[in-house]
């Protein structure tokens, strides 16, 4: 997949993830939303790995924690 296509796919996945996180804040016990968020995170990680093969784990973790407004123990 070319870089532009990867970036567009990543953008769509991130936007969907952000919408799900916003919904989750309204309904934190919704198991279906949790599942969808984890699926999006996996897709974001896979796309990010293709784009930046050497530092994708840190980038995805930083993004995920910023969406949830929390600070990971590693940072």
N, C-alpha and C. Protein backbone atom coordinates (compact mmCIF):
# COMPACT_ATOMS: atom_id res chain seq x y z
N UNK A 1 0.85 -1.17 0.00
CA UNK A 1 0.00 0.00 0.00
C UNK A 1 0.91 1.24 0.00
N UNK A 2 0.60 2.19 -0.86
CA UNK A 2 1.43 3.39 -0.93
C UNK A 2 1.21 4.28 0.30
N UNK A 3 2.14 5.17 0.54
CA UNK A 3 2.11 6.01 1.74
C UNK A 3 0.82 6.84 1.84
N UNK A 4 0.41 7.45 0.74
CA UNK A 4 -0.80 8.28 0.77
C UNK A 4 -2.03 7.44 1.15
N UNK A 5 -2.14 6.27 0.58
CA UNK A 5 -3.28 5.38 0.90
C UNK A 5 -3.25 4.95 2.36
N UNK A 6 -2.06 4.65 2.86
CA UNK A 6 -1.90 4.28 4.27
C UNK A 6 -2.35 5.43 5.18
N UNK A 7 -1.92 6.63 4.84
CA UNK A 7 -2.27 7.78 5.66
C UNK A 7 -3.77 8.05 5.63
N UNK A 8 -4.40 7.89 4.49
CA UNK A 8 -5.85 8.09 4.39
C UNK A 8 -6.59 7.03 5.20
N UNK A 9 -6.16 5.79 5.09
CA UNK A 9 -6.80 4.71 5.85
C UNK A 9 -6.62 4.94 7.35
N UNK A 10 -5.43 5.35 7.74
CA UNK A 10 -5.15 5.63 9.14
C UNK A 10 -6.01 6.79 9.65
N UNK A 11 -6.16 7.81 8.85
CA UNK A 11 -7.00 8.95 9.21
C UNK A 11 -8.44 8.52 9.47
N UNK A 12 -8.98 7.68 8.59
CA UNK A 12 -10.35 7.20 8.75
C UNK A 12 -10.49 6.37 10.03
N UNK A 13 -9.54 5.48 10.26
CA UNK A 13 -9.59 4.64 11.46
C UNK A 13 -9.51 5.49 12.73
N UNK A 14 -8.64 6.50 12.73
CA UNK A 14 -8.50 7.37 13.90
C UNK A 14 -9.77 8.16 14.14
N UNK A 15 -10.38 8.67 13.08
CA UNK A 15 -11.63 9.42 13.23
C UNK A 15 -12.73 8.54 13.81
N UNK A 16 -12.83 7.31 13.31
CA UNK A 16 -13.83 6.37 13.84
C UNK A 16 -13.54 6.06 15.30
N UNK A 17 -12.27 5.87 15.63
CA UNK A 17 -11.87 5.58 17.01
C UNK A 17 -12.25 6.74 17.92
N UNK A 18 -12.00 7.96 17.47
CA UNK A 18 -12.34 9.13 18.27
C UNK A 18 -13.84 9.22 18.54
N UNK A 19 -14.64 8.89 17.54
CA UNK A 19 -16.10 8.90 17.71
C UNK A 19 -16.52 7.85 18.74
N UNK A 20 -15.91 6.67 18.65
CA UNK A 20 -16.23 5.62 19.59
C UNK A 20 -15.84 6.00 21.02
N UNK A 21 -14.68 6.63 21.16
CA UNK A 21 -14.23 7.07 22.49
C UNK A 21 -15.21 8.09 23.06
N UNK A 22 -15.69 9.00 22.23
CA UNK A 22 -16.66 10.00 22.68
C UNK A 22 -17.95 9.32 23.14
N UNK A 23 -18.39 8.30 22.39
CA UNK A 23 -19.58 7.55 22.78
C UNK A 23 -19.34 6.80 24.09
N UNK A 24 -18.14 6.28 24.24
CA UNK A 24 -17.79 5.51 25.43
C UNK A 24 -17.84 6.38 26.68
N UNK A 25 -17.49 7.65 26.54
CA UNK A 25 -17.55 8.56 27.68
C UNK A 25 -18.99 8.76 28.14
N UNK A 26 -19.94 8.64 27.23
CA UNK A 26 -21.35 8.76 27.57
C UNK A 26 -21.91 7.46 28.16
N UNK A 27 -21.32 6.34 27.75
CA UNK A 27 -21.82 5.04 28.17
C UNK A 27 -20.63 4.11 28.48
N UNK A 28 -19.92 4.36 29.59
CA UNK A 28 -18.68 3.64 29.89
C UNK A 28 -18.82 2.13 30.11
N UNK A 29 -20.00 1.65 30.35
CA UNK A 29 -20.18 0.21 30.59
C UNK A 29 -20.59 -0.56 29.34
N UNK A 30 -20.64 0.09 28.20
CA UNK A 30 -21.09 -0.54 26.97
C UNK A 30 -20.01 -1.47 26.41
N UNK A 31 -20.25 -2.75 26.54
CA UNK A 31 -19.29 -3.76 26.10
C UNK A 31 -19.08 -3.77 24.61
N UNK A 32 -20.13 -3.48 23.84
CA UNK A 32 -20.00 -3.45 22.39
C UNK A 32 -19.06 -2.32 21.96
N UNK A 33 -19.20 -1.16 22.59
CA UNK A 33 -18.31 -0.04 22.28
C UNK A 33 -16.87 -0.38 22.63
N UNK A 34 -16.66 -1.03 23.77
CA UNK A 34 -15.30 -1.43 24.17
C UNK A 34 -14.69 -2.35 23.11
N UNK A 35 -15.49 -3.29 22.63
CA UNK A 35 -15.01 -4.23 21.61
C UNK A 35 -14.66 -3.48 20.32
N UNK A 36 -15.52 -2.56 19.92
CA UNK A 36 -15.26 -1.79 18.70
C UNK A 36 -14.00 -0.93 18.84
N UNK A 37 -13.81 -0.35 20.01
CA UNK A 37 -12.62 0.46 20.25
C UNK A 37 -11.36 -0.40 20.13
N UNK A 38 -11.38 -1.58 20.72
CA UNK A 38 -10.21 -2.47 20.64
C UNK A 38 -9.95 -2.91 19.21
N UNK A 39 -11.00 -3.15 18.44
CA UNK A 39 -10.83 -3.52 17.03
C UNK A 39 -10.20 -2.37 16.25
N UNK A 40 -10.68 -1.15 16.50
CA UNK A 40 -10.10 0.02 15.82
C UNK A 40 -8.65 0.20 16.22
N UNK A 41 -8.34 0.01 17.49
CA UNK A 41 -6.95 0.15 17.95
C UNK A 41 -6.04 -0.85 17.24
N UNK A 42 -6.54 -2.06 17.03
CA UNK A 42 -5.75 -3.07 16.33
C UNK A 42 -5.50 -2.66 14.88
N UNK A 43 -6.54 -2.13 14.24
CA UNK A 43 -6.39 -1.68 12.85
C UNK A 43 -5.44 -0.48 12.76
N UNK A 44 -5.55 0.43 13.71
CA UNK A 44 -4.65 1.59 13.74
C UNK A 44 -3.22 1.12 13.91
N UNK A 45 -3.01 0.19 14.82
CA UNK A 45 -1.66 -0.33 15.06
C UNK A 45 -1.10 -1.00 13.81
N UNK A 46 -1.92 -1.77 13.11
CA UNK A 46 -1.47 -2.47 11.90
C UNK A 46 -1.10 -1.48 10.81
N UNK A 47 -1.94 -0.48 10.62
CA UNK A 47 -1.64 0.55 9.60
C UNK A 47 -0.41 1.35 9.99
N UNK A 48 -0.31 1.67 11.25
CA UNK A 48 0.84 2.44 11.73
C UNK A 48 2.13 1.65 11.57
N UNK A 49 2.05 0.37 11.80
CA UNK A 49 3.24 -0.49 11.64
C UNK A 49 3.71 -0.47 10.18
N UNK A 50 2.79 -0.45 9.26
CA UNK A 50 3.16 -0.39 7.84
C UNK A 50 3.79 0.96 7.51
N UNK A 51 3.33 2.00 8.16
CA UNK A 51 3.82 3.34 7.88
C UNK A 51 5.15 3.62 8.58
N UNK A 52 5.26 3.22 9.85
CA UNK A 52 6.46 3.45 10.65
C UNK A 52 6.86 2.14 11.33
N UNK A 53 7.54 1.27 10.63
CA UNK A 53 7.82 -0.08 11.17
C UNK A 53 8.63 -0.12 12.46
N UNK A 54 9.36 0.93 12.81
CA UNK A 54 10.25 0.83 13.97
C UNK A 54 9.74 1.49 15.24
N UNK A 55 8.71 2.33 15.16
CA UNK A 55 8.25 2.98 16.38
C UNK A 55 6.74 3.04 16.47
N UNK A 56 6.06 2.06 15.91
CA UNK A 56 4.60 2.09 15.89
C UNK A 56 3.98 1.81 17.25
N UNK A 57 4.56 0.96 18.06
CA UNK A 57 3.95 0.63 19.35
C UNK A 57 3.84 1.87 20.22
N UNK A 58 4.92 2.61 20.33
CA UNK A 58 4.89 3.81 21.16
C UNK A 58 3.88 4.82 20.62
N UNK A 59 3.85 5.02 19.29
CA UNK A 59 2.95 5.99 18.68
C UNK A 59 1.50 5.62 18.95
N UNK A 60 1.13 4.37 18.78
CA UNK A 60 -0.25 3.94 19.01
C UNK A 60 -0.62 4.04 20.48
N UNK A 61 0.29 3.69 21.37
CA UNK A 61 0.00 3.81 22.79
C UNK A 61 -0.20 5.26 23.18
N UNK A 62 0.64 6.13 22.68
CA UNK A 62 0.52 7.55 23.00
C UNK A 62 -0.81 8.10 22.49
N UNK A 63 -1.19 7.69 21.29
CA UNK A 63 -2.46 8.14 20.72
C UNK A 63 -3.63 7.62 21.57
N UNK A 64 -3.61 6.36 21.88
CA UNK A 64 -4.72 5.76 22.63
C UNK A 64 -4.87 6.43 23.99
N UNK A 65 -3.77 6.66 24.68
CA UNK A 65 -3.85 7.30 25.99
C UNK A 65 -4.32 8.74 25.88
N UNK A 66 -3.93 9.43 24.81
CA UNK A 66 -4.39 10.81 24.65
C UNK A 66 -5.89 10.86 24.40
N UNK A 67 -6.42 9.87 23.69
CA UNK A 67 -7.86 9.81 23.44
C UNK A 67 -8.64 9.57 24.73
N UNK A 68 -8.06 8.80 25.60
CA UNK A 68 -8.74 8.46 26.85
C UNK A 68 -8.43 9.47 27.97
N UNK A 69 -7.60 10.45 27.63
CA UNK A 69 -7.21 11.48 28.60
C UNK A 69 -6.60 10.87 29.87
N UNK A 70 -5.76 9.88 29.67
CA UNK A 70 -5.07 9.26 30.80
C UNK A 70 -3.57 9.29 30.52
N UNK A 71 -2.80 8.99 31.52
CA UNK A 71 -1.35 8.95 31.35
C UNK A 71 -0.90 7.52 31.64
N UNK A 72 -0.21 6.90 30.67
CA UNK A 72 0.26 5.54 30.91
C UNK A 72 1.41 5.52 31.92
N UNK A 73 1.59 4.41 32.54
CA UNK A 73 2.64 4.26 33.54
C UNK A 73 4.03 4.36 32.92
N UNK A 74 4.15 4.07 31.62
CA UNK A 74 5.46 4.07 30.97
C UNK A 74 5.95 5.48 30.65
N UNK A 75 5.09 6.46 30.64
CA UNK A 75 5.48 7.80 30.20
C UNK A 75 5.87 8.64 31.40
